[in-house]
Amino acid sequence: MIGIAMEKLDRITSDPEILSGQPCIRHMRLSVKRVLEAMTVTPNWPELMEEYPGLEEEDIRQSLVWAAHNLDDHVIHLGAA
């Protein structure tokens, strides 16, 4: 993940007054988690932005970068297939 740690995620904010401090998109009441969950249902970015007015492509991109960066230190045991 070269470069991700150094990348500025200026659209991801955390404020104790908004959604109890969850990482959000630009101080909106739209969490990064919600954006990622919505992408599982609506992976088409233009449709996703229609569903969430105010959401922009760079918000989605930074949400994905934030999620990838936060998986670095976590081991998720998926079990046998």
PDB file of N, CA and C in Angstrom:
ATOM      1  N   MET A   1       0.824  -1.189   0.000  1.00  0.00           N
ATOM      2  CA  MET A   1       0.000   0.000   0.000  1.00  0.00           C
ATOM      3  C   MET A   1       0.867   1.252   0.000  1.00  0.00           C
ATOM      4  N   ILE A   2       1.788   1.296  -0.870  1.00  0.00           N
ATOM      5  CA  ILE A   2       2.688   2.435  -0.946  1.00  0.00           C
ATOM      6  C   ILE A   2       1.892   3.674  -1.310  1.00  0.00           C
ATOM      7  N   GLY A   3       2.104   4.733  -0.578  1.00  0.00           N
ATOM      8  CA  GLY A   3       1.462   6.002  -0.870  1.00  0.00           C
ATOM      9  C   GLY A   3       0.171   6.250  -0.113  1.00  0.00           C
ATOM     10  N   ILE A   4      -0.510   5.216   0.321  1.00  0.00           N
ATOM     11  CA  ILE A   4      -1.787   5.429   1.006  1.00  0.00           C
ATOM     12  C   ILE A   4      -1.571   6.100   2.349  1.00  0.00           C
ATOM     13  N   ALA A   5      -0.569   5.671   3.100  1.00  0.00           N
ATOM     14  CA  ALA A   5      -0.325   6.250   4.422  1.00  0.00           C
ATOM     15  C   ALA A   5       0.015   7.729   4.308  1.00  0.00           C
ATOM     16  N   MET A   6       0.627   8.115   3.214  1.00  0.00           N
ATOM     17  CA  MET A   6       1.046   9.498   3.036  1.00  0.00           C
ATOM     18  C   MET A   6      -0.056  10.364   2.409  1.00  0.00           C
ATOM     19  N   GLU A   7      -1.070   9.741   1.841  1.00  0.00           N
ATOM     20  CA  GLU A   7      -2.117  10.490   1.149  1.00  0.00           C
ATOM     21  C   GLU A   7      -2.995  11.240   2.139  1.00  0.00           C
ATOM     22  N   LYS A   8      -3.284  12.465   1.821  1.00  0.00           N
ATOM     23  CA  LYS A   8      -4.153  13.269   2.669  1.00  0.00           C
ATOM     24  C   LYS A   8      -5.615  12.935   2.341  1.00  0.00           C
ATOM     25  N   LEU A   9      -6.331  12.517   3.351  1.00  0.00           N
ATOM     26  CA  LEU A   9      -7.749  12.218   3.180  1.00  0.00           C
ATOM     27  C   LEU A   9      -8.548  13.394   3.735  1.00  0.00           C
ATOM     28  N   ASP A  10      -8.566  14.472   2.998  1.00  0.00           N
ATOM     29  CA  ASP A  10      -9.166  15.714   3.478  1.00  0.00           C
ATOM     30  C   ASP A  10     -10.689  15.730   3.438  1.00  0.00           C
ATOM     31  N   ARG A  11     -11.291  14.729   2.840  1.00  0.00           N
ATOM     32  CA  ARG A  11     -12.757  14.671   2.796  1.00  0.00           C
ATOM     33  C   ARG A  11     -13.327  13.762   3.874  1.00  0.00           C
ATOM     34  N   ILE A  12     -12.465  13.048   4.568  1.00  0.00           N
ATOM     35  CA  ILE A  12     -12.897  12.177   5.655  1.00  0.00           C
ATOM     36  C   ILE A  12     -12.704  12.947   6.959  1.00  0.00           C
ATOM     37  N   THR A  13     -13.796  13.172   7.669  1.00  0.00           N
ATOM     38  CA  THR A  13     -13.736  13.963   8.900  1.00  0.00           C
ATOM     39  C   THR A  13     -14.323  13.175  10.061  1.00  0.00           C
ATOM     40  N   SER A  14     -13.943  13.573  11.250  1.00  0.00           N
ATOM     41  CA  SER A  14     -14.471  12.948  12.457  1.00  0.00           C
ATOM     42  C   SER A  14     -14.729  14.050  13.473  1.00  0.00           C
ATOM     43  N   ASP A  15     -15.975  14.163  13.895  1.00  0.00           N
ATOM     44  CA  ASP A  15     -16.392  15.200  14.829  1.00  0.00           C
ATOM     45  C   ASP A  15     -17.311  14.550  15.861  1.00  0.00           C
ATOM     46  N   PRO A  16     -16.977  14.644  17.158  1.00  0.00           N
ATOM     47  CA  PRO A  16     -17.814  14.016  18.181  1.00  0.00           C
ATOM     48  C   PRO A  16     -19.277  14.467  18.134  1.00  0.00           C
ATOM     49  N   GLU A  17     -19.535  15.627  17.550  1.00  0.00           N
ATOM     50  CA  GLU A  17     -20.897  16.158  17.458  1.00  0.00           C
ATOM     51  C   GLU A  17     -21.685  15.570  16.275  1.00  0.00           C
ATOM     52  N   ILE A  18     -20.988  14.885  15.366  1.00  0.00           N
ATOM     53  CA  ILE A  18     -21.649  14.332  14.177  1.00  0.00           C
ATOM     54  C   ILE A  18     -21.485  12.814  14.193  1.00  0.00           C
ATOM     55  N   LEU A  19     -22.594  12.106  14.268  1.00  0.00           N
ATOM     56  CA  LEU A  19     -22.621  10.647  14.273  1.00  0.00           C
ATOM     57  C   LEU A  19     -21.642  10.050  15.289  1.00  0.00           C
ATOM     58  N   SER A  20     -21.575  10.669  16.450  1.00  0.00           N
ATOM     59  CA  SER A  20     -20.742  10.192  17.565  1.00  0.00           C
ATOM     60  C   SER A  20     -19.265  10.039  17.197  1.00  0.00           C
ATOM     61  N   GLY A  21     -18.812  10.853  16.270  1.00  0.00           N
ATOM     62  CA  GLY A  21     -17.397  10.833  15.908  1.00  0.00           C
ATOM     63  C   GLY A  21     -17.014   9.814  14.856  1.00  0.00           C
ATOM     64  N   GLN A  22     -17.988   9.113  14.272  1.00  0.00           N
ATOM     65  CA  GLN A  22     -17.666   8.166  13.202  1.00  0.00           C
ATOM     66  C   GLN A  22     -17.032   8.920  12.036  1.00  0.00           C
ATOM     67  N   PRO A  23     -16.132   8.281  11.305  1.00  0.00           N
ATOM     68  CA  PRO A  23     -15.581   8.929  10.110  1.00  0.00           C
ATOM     69  C   PRO A  23     -16.709   9.243   9.128  1.00  0.00           C
ATOM     70  N   CYS A  24     -16.771  10.493   8.702  1.00  0.00           N
ATOM     71  CA  CYS A  24     -17.847  10.965   7.824  1.00  0.00           C
ATOM     72  C   CYS A  24     -17.276  11.635   6.586  1.00  0.00           C
ATOM     73  N   ILE A  25     -18.165  11.886   5.657  1.00  0.00           N
ATOM     74  CA  ILE A  25     -17.824  12.620   4.443  1.00  0.00           C
ATOM     75  C   ILE A  25     -18.026  14.111   4.701  1.00  0.00           C
ATOM     76  N   ARG A  26     -16.952  14.867   4.674  1.00  0.00           N
ATOM     77  CA  ARG A  26     -16.959  16.340   4.768  1.00  0.00           C
ATOM     78  C   ARG A  26     -17.934  16.904   5.802  1.00  0.00           C
ATOM     79  N   HIS A  27     -17.896  16.396   7.003  1.00  0.00           N
ATOM     80  CA  HIS A  27     -18.730  16.872   8.113  1.00  0.00           C
ATOM     81  C   HIS A  27     -20.230  16.684   7.866  1.00  0.00           C
ATOM     82  N   MET A  28     -20.596  15.911   6.843  1.00  0.00           N
ATOM     83  CA  MET A  28     -22.008  15.625   6.595  1.00  0.00           C
ATOM     84  C   MET A  28     -22.432  14.480   7.514  1.00  0.00           C
ATOM     85  N   ARG A  29     -23.695  14.256   7.623  1.00  0.00           N
ATOM     86  CA  ARG A  29     -24.196  13.131   8.410  1.00  0.00           C
ATOM     87  C   ARG A  29     -24.260  11.883   7.532  1.00  0.00           C
ATOM     88  N   LEU A  30     -23.180  11.667   6.816  1.00  0.00           N
ATOM     89  CA  LEU A  30     -23.023  10.510   5.938  1.00  0.00           C
ATOM     90  C   LEU A  30     -21.691   9.867   6.281  1.00  0.00           C
ATOM     91  N   SER A  31     -21.766   8.692   6.907  1.00  0.00           N
ATOM     92  CA  SER A  31     -20.544   8.034   7.356  1.00  0.00           C
ATOM     93  C   SER A  31     -19.839   7.321   6.205  1.00  0.00           C
ATOM     94  N   VAL A  32     -18.539   7.154   6.377  1.00  0.00           N
ATOM     95  CA  VAL A  32     -17.750   6.387   5.414  1.00  0.00           C
ATOM     96  C   VAL A  32     -18.307   4.967   5.340  1.00  0.00           C
ATOM     97  N   LYS A  33     -18.665   4.416   6.487  1.00  0.00           N
ATOM     98  CA  LYS A  33     -19.233   3.065   6.518  1.00  0.00           C
ATOM     99  C   LYS A  33     -20.486   2.984   5.660  1.00  0.00           C
ATOM    100  N   ARG A  34     -21.348   3.976   5.756  1.00  0.00           N
ATOM    101  CA  ARG A  34     -22.591   3.983   4.962  1.00  0.00           C
ATOM    102  C   ARG A  34     -22.285   4.037   3.475  1.00  0.00           C
ATOM    103  N   VAL A  35     -21.299   4.844   3.090  1.00  0.00           N
ATOM    104  CA  VAL A  35     -20.915   4.931   1.677  1.00  0.00           C
ATOM    105  C   VAL A  35     -20.440   3.562   1.189  1.00  0.00           C
ATOM    106  N   LEU A  36     -19.595   2.908   1.981  1.00  0.00           N
ATOM    107  CA  LEU A  36     -19.085   1.589   1.596  1.00  0.00           C
ATOM    108  C   LEU A  36     -20.204   0.558   1.518  1.00  0.00           C
ATOM    109  N   GLU A  37     -21.108   0.592   2.491  1.00  0.00           N
ATOM    110  CA  GLU A  37     -22.255  -0.331   2.460  1.00  0.00           C
ATOM    111  C   GLU A  37     -23.124  -0.076   1.234  1.00  0.00           C
ATOM    112  N   ALA A  38     -23.348   1.181   0.914  1.00  0.00           N
ATOM    113  CA  ALA A  38     -24.176   1.532  -0.239  1.00  0.00           C
ATOM    114  C   ALA A  38     -23.534   1.056  -1.541  1.00  0.00           C
ATOM    115  N   MET A  39     -22.202   1.055  -1.578  1.00  0.00           N
ATOM    116  CA  MET A  39     -21.505   0.603  -2.783  1.00  0.00           C
ATOM    117  C   MET A  39     -21.723  -0.881  -3.040  1.00  0.00           C
ATOM    118  N   THR A  40     -22.041  -1.662  -2.019  1.00  0.00           N
ATOM    119  CA  THR A  40     -22.306  -3.083  -2.238  1.00  0.00           C
ATOM    120  C   THR A  40     -23.629  -3.288  -2.971  1.00  0.00           C
ATOM    121  N   VAL A  41     -24.531  -2.334  -2.822  1.00  0.00           N
ATOM    122  CA  VAL A  41     -25.834  -2.402  -3.479  1.00  0.00           C
ATOM    123  C   VAL A  41     -25.830  -1.623  -4.788  1.00  0.00           C
ATOM    124  N   THR A  42     -25.149  -0.483  -4.786  1.00  0.00           N
ATOM    125  CA  THR A  42     -25.101   0.404  -5.947  1.00  0.00           C
ATOM    126  C   THR A  42     -23.645   0.702  -6.280  1.00  0.00           C
ATOM    127  N   PRO A  43     -22.967  -0.224  -6.971  1.00  0.00           N
ATOM    128  CA  PRO A  43     -21.555   0.005  -7.269  1.00  0.00           C
ATOM    129  C   PRO A  43     -21.308   1.060  -8.348  1.00  0.00           C
ATOM    130  N   ASN A  44     -22.352   1.457  -9.046  1.00  0.00           N
ATOM    131  CA  ASN A  44     -22.231   2.479 -10.078  1.00  0.00           C
ATOM    132  C   ASN A  44     -22.144   3.852  -9.415  1.00  0.00           C
ATOM    133  N   TRP A  45     -20.984   4.507  -9.526  1.00  0.00           N
ATOM    134  CA  TRP A  45     -20.765   5.772  -8.818  1.00  0.00           C
ATOM    135  C   TRP A  45     -21.785   6.852  -9.165  1.00  0.00           C
ATOM    136  N   PRO A  46     -22.130   7.092 -10.433  1.00  0.00           N
ATOM    137  CA  PRO A  46     -23.140   8.118 -10.727  1.00  0.00           C
ATOM    138  C   PRO A  46     -24.488   7.831 -10.056  1.00  0.00           C
ATOM    139  N   GLU A  47     -24.904   6.565 -10.035  1.00  0.00           N
ATOM    140  CA  GLU A  47     -26.159   6.215  -9.363  1.00  0.00           C
ATOM    141  C   GLU A  47     -26.060   6.441  -7.860  1.00  0.00           C
ATOM    142  N   LEU A  48     -24.910   6.109  -7.298  1.00  0.00           N
ATOM    143  CA  LEU A  48     -24.689   6.312  -5.866  1.00  0.00           C
ATOM    144  C   LEU A  48     -24.762   7.800  -5.519  1.00  0.00           C
ATOM    145  N   MET A  49     -24.192   8.629  -6.376  1.00  0.00           N
ATOM    146  CA  MET A  49     -24.225  10.077  -6.136  1.00  0.00           C
ATOM    147  C   MET A  49     -25.637  10.638  -6.294  1.00  0.00           C
ATOM    148  N   GLU A  50     -26.456  10.016  -7.129  1.00  0.00           N
ATOM    149  CA  GLU A  50     -27.864  10.411  -7.232  1.00  0.00           C
ATOM    150  C   GLU A  50     -28.605  10.060  -5.949  1.00  0.00           C
ATOM    151  N   GLU A  51     -28.288   8.886  -5.397  1.00  0.00           N
ATOM    152  CA  GLU A  51     -28.929   8.409  -4.175  1.00  0.00           C
ATOM    153  C   GLU A  51     -28.566   9.274  -2.965  1.00  0.00           C
ATOM    154  N   TYR A  52     -27.345   9.796  -2.957  1.00  0.00           N
ATOM    155  CA  TYR A  52     -26.849  10.620  -1.852  1.00  0.00           C
ATOM    156  C   TYR A  52     -26.433  11.989  -2.389  1.00  0.00           C
ATOM    157  N   PRO A  53     -27.377  12.926  -2.478  1.00  0.00           N
ATOM    158  CA  PRO A  53     -27.050  14.264  -2.983  1.00  0.00           C
ATOM    159  C   PRO A  53     -25.921  14.886  -2.153  1.00  0.00           C
ATOM    160  N   GLY A  54     -24.996  15.483  -2.834  1.00  0.00           N
ATOM    161  CA  GLY A  54     -23.848  16.094  -2.164  1.00  0.00           C
ATOM    162  C   GLY A  54     -22.617  15.209  -2.185  1.00  0.00           C
ATOM    163  N   LEU A  55     -22.810  13.905  -2.390  1.00  0.00           N
ATOM    164  CA  LEU A  55     -21.692  12.976  -2.474  1.00  0.00           C
ATOM    165  C   LEU A  55     -20.997  13.156  -3.824  1.00  0.00           C
ATOM    166  N   GLU A  56     -19.682  13.208  -3.799  1.00  0.00           N
ATOM    167  CA  GLU A  56     -18.903  13.416  -5.017  1.00  0.00           C
ATOM    168  C   GLU A  56     -17.944  12.251  -5.238  1.00  0.00           C
ATOM    169  N   GLU A  57     -17.451  12.124  -6.477  1.00  0.00           N
ATOM    170  CA  GLU A  57     -16.533  11.035  -6.813  1.00  0.00           C
ATOM    171  C   GLU A  57     -15.341  10.977  -5.869  1.00  0.00           C
ATOM    172  N   GLU A  58     -14.761  12.110  -5.544  1.00  0.00           N
ATOM    173  CA  GLU A  58     -13.597  12.125  -4.661  1.00  0.00           C
ATOM    174  C   GLU A  58     -13.953  11.638  -3.260  1.00  0.00           C
ATOM    175  N   ASP A  59     -15.182  11.860  -2.816  1.00  0.00           N
ATOM    176  CA  ASP A  59     -15.633  11.331  -1.523  1.00  0.00           C
ATOM    177  C   ASP A  59     -15.619   9.800  -1.553  1.00  0.00           C
ATOM    178  N   ILE A  60     -16.113   9.230  -2.634  1.00  0.00           N
ATOM    179  CA  ILE A  60     -16.154   7.775  -2.762  1.00  0.00           C
ATOM    180  C   ILE A  60     -14.742   7.220  -2.825  1.00  0.00           C
ATOM    181  N   ARG A  61     -13.899   7.837  -3.629  1.00  0.00           N
ATOM    182  CA  ARG A  61     -12.518   7.380  -3.752  1.00  0.00           C
ATOM    183  C   ARG A  61     -11.809   7.402  -2.409  1.00  0.00           C
ATOM    184  N   GLN A  62     -11.961   8.506  -1.674  1.00  0.00           N
ATOM    185  CA  GLN A  62     -11.294   8.599  -0.384  1.00  0.00           C
ATOM    186  C   GLN A  62     -11.887   7.619   0.632  1.00  0.00           C
ATOM    187  N   SER A  63     -13.155   7.310   0.521  1.00  0.00           N
ATOM    188  CA  SER A  63     -13.758   6.304   1.399  1.00  0.00           C
ATOM    189  C   SER A  63     -13.118   4.938   1.166  1.00  0.00           C
ATOM    190  N   LEU A  64     -12.889   4.608  -0.095  1.00  0.00           N
ATOM    191  CA  LEU A  64     -12.240   3.343  -0.425  1.00  0.00           C
ATOM    192  C   LEU A  64     -10.794   3.308   0.065  1.00  0.00           C
ATOM    193  N   VAL A  65     -10.086   4.416  -0.096  1.00  0.00           N
ATOM    194  CA  VAL A  65      -8.709   4.500   0.384  1.00  0.00           C
ATOM    195  C   VAL A  65      -8.679   4.369   1.899  1.00  0.00           C
ATOM    196  N   TRP A  66      -9.590   5.054   2.579  1.00  0.00           N
ATOM    197  CA  TRP A  66      -9.662   4.992   4.044  1.00  0.00           C
ATOM    198  C   TRP A  66      -9.898   3.550   4.496  1.00  0.00           C
ATOM    199  N   ALA A  67     -10.839   2.852   3.838  1.00  0.00           N
ATOM    200  CA  ALA A  67     -11.140   1.470   4.208  1.00  0.00           C
ATOM    201  C   ALA A  67      -9.936   0.565   3.970  1.00  0.00           C
ATOM    202  N   ALA A  68      -9.293   0.710   2.835  1.00  0.00           N
ATOM    203  CA  ALA A  68      -8.121  -0.112   2.530  1.00  0.00           C
ATOM    204  C   ALA A  68      -7.012   0.136   3.544  1.00  0.00           C
ATOM    205  N   HIS A  69      -6.808   1.368   3.884  1.00  0.00           N
ATOM    206  CA  HIS A  69      -5.756   1.715   4.850  1.00  0.00           C
ATOM    207  C   HIS A  69      -6.071   1.124   6.228  1.00  0.00           C
ATOM    208  N   ASN A  70      -7.314   1.117   6.606  1.00  0.00           N
ATOM    209  CA  ASN A  70      -7.696   0.626   7.922  1.00  0.00           C
ATOM    210  C   ASN A  70      -7.743  -0.896   8.015  1.00  0.00           C
ATOM    211  N   LEU A  71      -7.656  -1.573   6.906  1.00  0.00           N
ATOM    212  CA  LEU A  71      -7.576  -3.029   6.921  1.00  0.00           C
ATOM    213  C   LEU A  71      -6.144  -3.523   7.109  1.00  0.00           C
ATOM    214  N   ASP A  72      -5.170  -2.646   6.953  1.00  0.00           N
ATOM    215  CA  ASP A  72      -3.767  -3.031   7.054  1.00  0.00           C
ATOM    216  C   ASP A  72      -3.432  -3.784   8.326  1.00  0.00           C
ATOM    217  N   ASP A  73      -3.943  -3.362   9.451  1.00  0.00           N
ATOM    218  CA  ASP A  73      -3.549  -3.915  10.726  1.00  0.00           C
ATOM    219  C   ASP A  73      -4.538  -4.920  11.286  1.00  0.00           C
ATOM    220  N   HIS A  74      -5.506  -5.317  10.514  1.00  0.00           N
ATOM    221  CA  HIS A  74      -6.526  -6.229  11.022  1.00  0.00           C
ATOM    222  C   HIS A  74      -6.483  -7.556  10.278  1.00  0.00           C
ATOM    223  N   VAL A  75      -6.562  -8.620  11.009  1.00  0.00           N
ATOM    224  CA  VAL A  75      -6.672  -9.948  10.414  1.00  0.00           C
ATOM    225  C   VAL A  75      -8.124 -10.383  10.553  1.00  0.00           C
ATOM    226  N   ILE A  76      -8.715 -10.723   9.434  1.00  0.00           N
ATOM    227  CA  ILE A  76     -10.098 -11.171   9.437  1.00  0.00           C
ATOM    228  C   ILE A  76     -10.100 -12.653   9.110  1.00  0.00           C
ATOM    229  N   HIS A  77     -10.490 -13.487  10.063  1.00  0.00           N
ATOM    230  CA  HIS A  77     -10.538 -14.920   9.844  1.00  0.00           C
ATOM    231  C   HIS A  77     -11.864 -15.283   9.185  1.00  0.00           C
ATOM    232  N   LEU A  78     -11.781 -15.771   7.969  1.00  0.00           N
ATOM    233  CA  LEU A  78     -12.980 -16.063   7.201  1.00  0.00           C
ATOM    234  C   LEU A  78     -13.421 -17.508   7.333  1.00  0.00           C
ATOM    235  N   GLY A  79     -12.573 -18.386   7.832  1.00  0.00           N
ATOM    236  CA  GLY A  79     -12.928 -19.784   7.969  1.00  0.00           C
ATOM    237  C   GLY A  79     -12.745 -20.537   6.661  1.00  0.00           C
ATOM    238  N   ALA A  80     -12.989 -21.819   6.729  1.00  0.00           N
ATOM    239  CA  ALA A  80     -12.829 -22.670   5.542  1.00  0.00           C
ATOM    240  C   ALA A  80     -13.964 -22.439   4.555  1.00  0.00           C
ATOM    241  N   ALA A  81     -13.626 -22.510   3.298  1.00  0.00           N
ATOM    242  CA  ALA A  81     -14.636 -22.322   2.244  1.00  0.00           C
ATOM    243  C   ALA A  81     -15.396 -23.583   1.982  1.00  0.00           C
TER     244      ALA A  81
END
